[in-house]
Amino acid sequence: MKTLVEVFRSPKEAGMYLYVKRAEGLERVPEDLLKRFGKPQSAMILALTPERKLARTSAERVLACLDEPGYYLQLPPGPEADAEAANIHGHNSKLGH
């Protein structure tokens, strides 16, 4: 089963994204979160299935969050993720230096 999802980017913090069901829009996102997030900027609309590959989390997790609490907030990667990416980059000759 596909769920039509709209992804918004935060104008306040690079790498912060908010996923919501397209049909519901931002209606279930708490006001406090929207204040912290800033005025949401539409980044993309996608048909999400549990099998779909996402960069930082599983589609299953996003879909579960879209059911309850009604949104999924993707935060920017922390220092651990940056260090892991640098380590992978350093060991993969196809990525270049």
C-alpha atoms as a PDB file:
ATOM      1  CA  MET A   1       0.000   0.000   0.000  1.00  0.00           C
ATOM      2  CA  LYS A   2       1.344   3.413  -0.992  1.00  0.00           C
ATOM      3  CA  THR A   3       0.978   6.518   1.125  1.00  0.00           C
ATOM      4  CA  LEU A   4       1.329   9.896  -0.551  1.00  0.00           C
ATOM      5  CA  VAL A   5       3.758  11.883   1.602  1.00  0.00           C
ATOM      6  CA  GLU A   6       4.811  15.530   1.467  1.00  0.00           C
ATOM      7  CA  VAL A   7       8.246  16.403   2.774  1.00  0.00           C
ATOM      8  CA  PHE A   8       8.956  19.922   4.038  1.00  0.00           C
ATOM      9  CA  ARG A   9      12.369  21.473   4.656  1.00  0.00           C
ATOM     10  CA  SER A  10      13.047  23.811   7.544  1.00  0.00           C
ATOM     11  CA  PRO A  11      14.228  27.321   6.688  1.00  0.00           C
ATOM     12  CA  LYS A  12      15.765  27.559  10.164  1.00  0.00           C
ATOM     13  CA  GLU A  13      17.999  24.480  10.231  1.00  0.00           C
ATOM     14  CA  ALA A  14      19.725  22.748   7.330  1.00  0.00           C
ATOM     15  CA  GLY A  15      19.001  19.042   7.190  1.00  0.00           C
ATOM     16  CA  MET A  16      15.751  19.215   9.180  1.00  0.00           C
ATOM     17  CA  TYR A  17      12.754  17.759   7.342  1.00  0.00           C
ATOM     18  CA  LEU A  18       9.141  17.145   8.272  1.00  0.00           C
ATOM     19  CA  TYR A  19       7.191  14.286   6.651  1.00  0.00           C
ATOM     20  CA  VAL A  20       3.368  14.354   6.660  1.00  0.00           C
ATOM     21  CA  LYS A  21       0.588  12.563   4.830  1.00  0.00           C
ATOM     22  CA  ARG A  22      -0.231  14.686   1.784  1.00  0.00           C
ATOM     23  CA  ALA A  23      -3.975  14.402   2.440  1.00  0.00           C
ATOM     24  CA  GLU A  24      -3.613  15.731   6.020  1.00  0.00           C
ATOM     25  CA  GLY A  25      -0.977  18.369   5.440  1.00  0.00           C
ATOM     26  CA  LEU A  26       0.363  20.004   8.588  1.00  0.00           C
ATOM     27  CA  GLU A  27      -2.874  19.747  10.607  1.00  0.00           C
ATOM     28  CA  ARG A  28      -1.525  17.132  13.070  1.00  0.00           C
ATOM     29  CA  VAL A  29       1.875  18.800  13.629  1.00  0.00           C
ATOM     30  CA  PRO A  30       2.043  20.512  17.056  1.00  0.00           C
ATOM     31  CA  GLU A  31       2.210  24.301  16.993  1.00  0.00           C
ATOM     32  CA  ASP A  32       5.363  24.318  19.165  1.00  0.00           C
ATOM     33  CA  LEU A  33       7.157  22.131  16.636  1.00  0.00           C
ATOM     34  CA  LEU A  34       6.109  24.363  13.752  1.00  0.00           C
ATOM     35  CA  LYS A  35       7.488  27.406  15.605  1.00  0.00           C
ATOM     36  CA  ARG A  36      10.842  25.668  16.070  1.00  0.00           C
ATOM     37  CA  PHE A  37      10.788  24.347  12.480  1.00  0.00           C
ATOM     38  CA  GLY A  38       9.958  27.688  10.861  1.00  0.00           C
ATOM     39  CA  LYS A  39       7.672  28.228   7.861  1.00  0.00           C
ATOM     40  CA  PRO A  40       7.698  24.812   6.142  1.00  0.00           C
ATOM     41  CA  GLN A  41       9.012  24.832   2.581  1.00  0.00           C
ATOM     42  CA  SER A  42       7.728  22.003   0.386  1.00  0.00           C
ATOM     43  CA  ALA A  43      10.692  19.907  -0.763  1.00  0.00           C
ATOM     44  CA  MET A  44       9.011  16.934  -2.445  1.00  0.00           C
ATOM     45  CA  ILE A  45       6.003  14.679  -2.691  1.00  0.00           C
ATOM     46  CA  LEU A  46       6.566  10.940  -2.826  1.00  0.00           C
ATOM     47  CA  ALA A  47       4.629   7.691  -2.823  1.00  0.00           C
ATOM     48  CA  LEU A  48       5.973   5.855   0.211  1.00  0.00           C
ATOM     49  CA  THR A  49       5.784   2.086   0.640  1.00  0.00           C
ATOM     50  CA  PRO A  50       7.331   0.032   3.467  1.00  0.00           C
ATOM     51  CA  GLU A  51       9.899  -1.347   0.999  1.00  0.00           C
ATOM     52  CA  ARG A  52      11.149   2.024  -0.218  1.00  0.00           C
ATOM     53  CA  LYS A  53      14.730   2.907   0.666  1.00  0.00           C
ATOM     54  CA  LEU A  54      15.298   6.201   2.481  1.00  0.00           C
ATOM     55  CA  ALA A  55      18.643   7.797   3.318  1.00  0.00           C
ATOM     56  CA  ARG A  56      18.484   8.123   7.112  1.00  0.00           C
ATOM     57  CA  THR A  57      15.658   5.918   8.365  1.00  0.00           C
ATOM     58  CA  SER A  58      13.358   3.139   7.274  1.00  0.00           C
ATOM     59  CA  ALA A  59      10.169   3.789   5.359  1.00  0.00           C
ATOM     60  CA  GLU A  60       8.396   1.549   7.886  1.00  0.00           C
ATOM     61  CA  ARG A  61       9.375   3.908  10.711  1.00  0.00           C
ATOM     62  CA  VAL A  62       8.196   6.970   8.787  1.00  0.00           C
ATOM     63  CA  LEU A  63       4.876   5.306   7.938  1.00  0.00           C
ATOM     64  CA  ALA A  64       4.329   4.291  11.567  1.00  0.00           C
ATOM     65  CA  CYS A  65       4.965   7.873  12.709  1.00  0.00           C
ATOM     66  CA  LEU A  66       2.585   9.213  10.052  1.00  0.00           C
ATOM     67  CA  ASP A  67      -0.153   7.105  11.626  1.00  0.00           C
ATOM     68  CA  GLU A  68       0.699   8.202  15.177  1.00  0.00           C
ATOM     69  CA  PRO A  69       1.584  10.978  16.069  1.00  0.00           C
ATOM     70  CA  GLY A  70       0.828  12.122  12.509  1.00  0.00           C
ATOM     71  CA  TYR A  71       4.248  13.347  11.343  1.00  0.00           C
ATOM     72  CA  TYR A  72       7.899  12.308  11.162  1.00  0.00           C
ATOM     73  CA  LEU A  73      10.649  14.809  11.996  1.00  0.00           C
ATOM     74  CA  GLN A  74      14.046  14.118  10.461  1.00  0.00           C
ATOM     75  CA  LEU A  75      16.797  15.949  12.318  1.00  0.00           C
ATOM     76  CA  PRO A  76      20.153  16.875  10.807  1.00  0.00           C
ATOM     77  CA  PRO A  77      22.826  14.239  11.289  1.00  0.00           C
ATOM     78  CA  GLY A  78      24.908  14.673  14.422  1.00  0.00           C
ATOM     79  CA  PRO A  79      28.689  14.432  14.834  1.00  0.00           C
ATOM     80  CA  GLU A  80      28.476  10.621  15.008  1.00  0.00           C
ATOM     81  CA  ALA A  81      26.874  10.449  11.560  1.00  0.00           C
ATOM     82  CA  ASP A  82      29.435  12.904  10.147  1.00  0.00           C
ATOM     83  CA  ALA A  83      32.310  10.811  11.562  1.00  0.00           C
ATOM     84  CA  GLU A  84      30.794   7.598  10.166  1.00  0.00           C
ATOM     85  CA  ALA A  85      30.372   9.182   6.730  1.00  0.00           C
ATOM     86  CA  ALA A  86      33.997  10.388   6.801  1.00  0.00           C
ATOM     87  CA  ASN A  87      35.162   6.895   7.772  1.00  0.00           C
ATOM     88  CA  ILE A  88      33.191   5.290   4.926  1.00  0.00           C
ATOM     89  CA  HIS A  89      34.433   7.927   2.493  1.00  0.00           C
ATOM     90  CA  GLY A  90      38.046   7.295   3.529  1.00  0.00           C
ATOM     91  CA  HIS A  91      37.729   3.550   2.887  1.00  0.00           C
ATOM     92  CA  ASN A  92      35.920   3.719  -0.455  1.00  0.00           C
ATOM     93  CA  SER A  93      38.185   4.534  -3.376  1.00  0.00           C
ATOM     94  CA  LYS A  94      35.180   5.034  -5.690  1.00  0.00           C
ATOM     95  CA  LEU A  95      34.108   8.113  -3.714  1.00  0.00           C
ATOM     96  CA  GLY A  96      37.346   9.918  -4.510  1.00  0.00           C
ATOM     97  CA  HIS A  97      39.416  12.054  -2.154  1.00  0.00           C
END
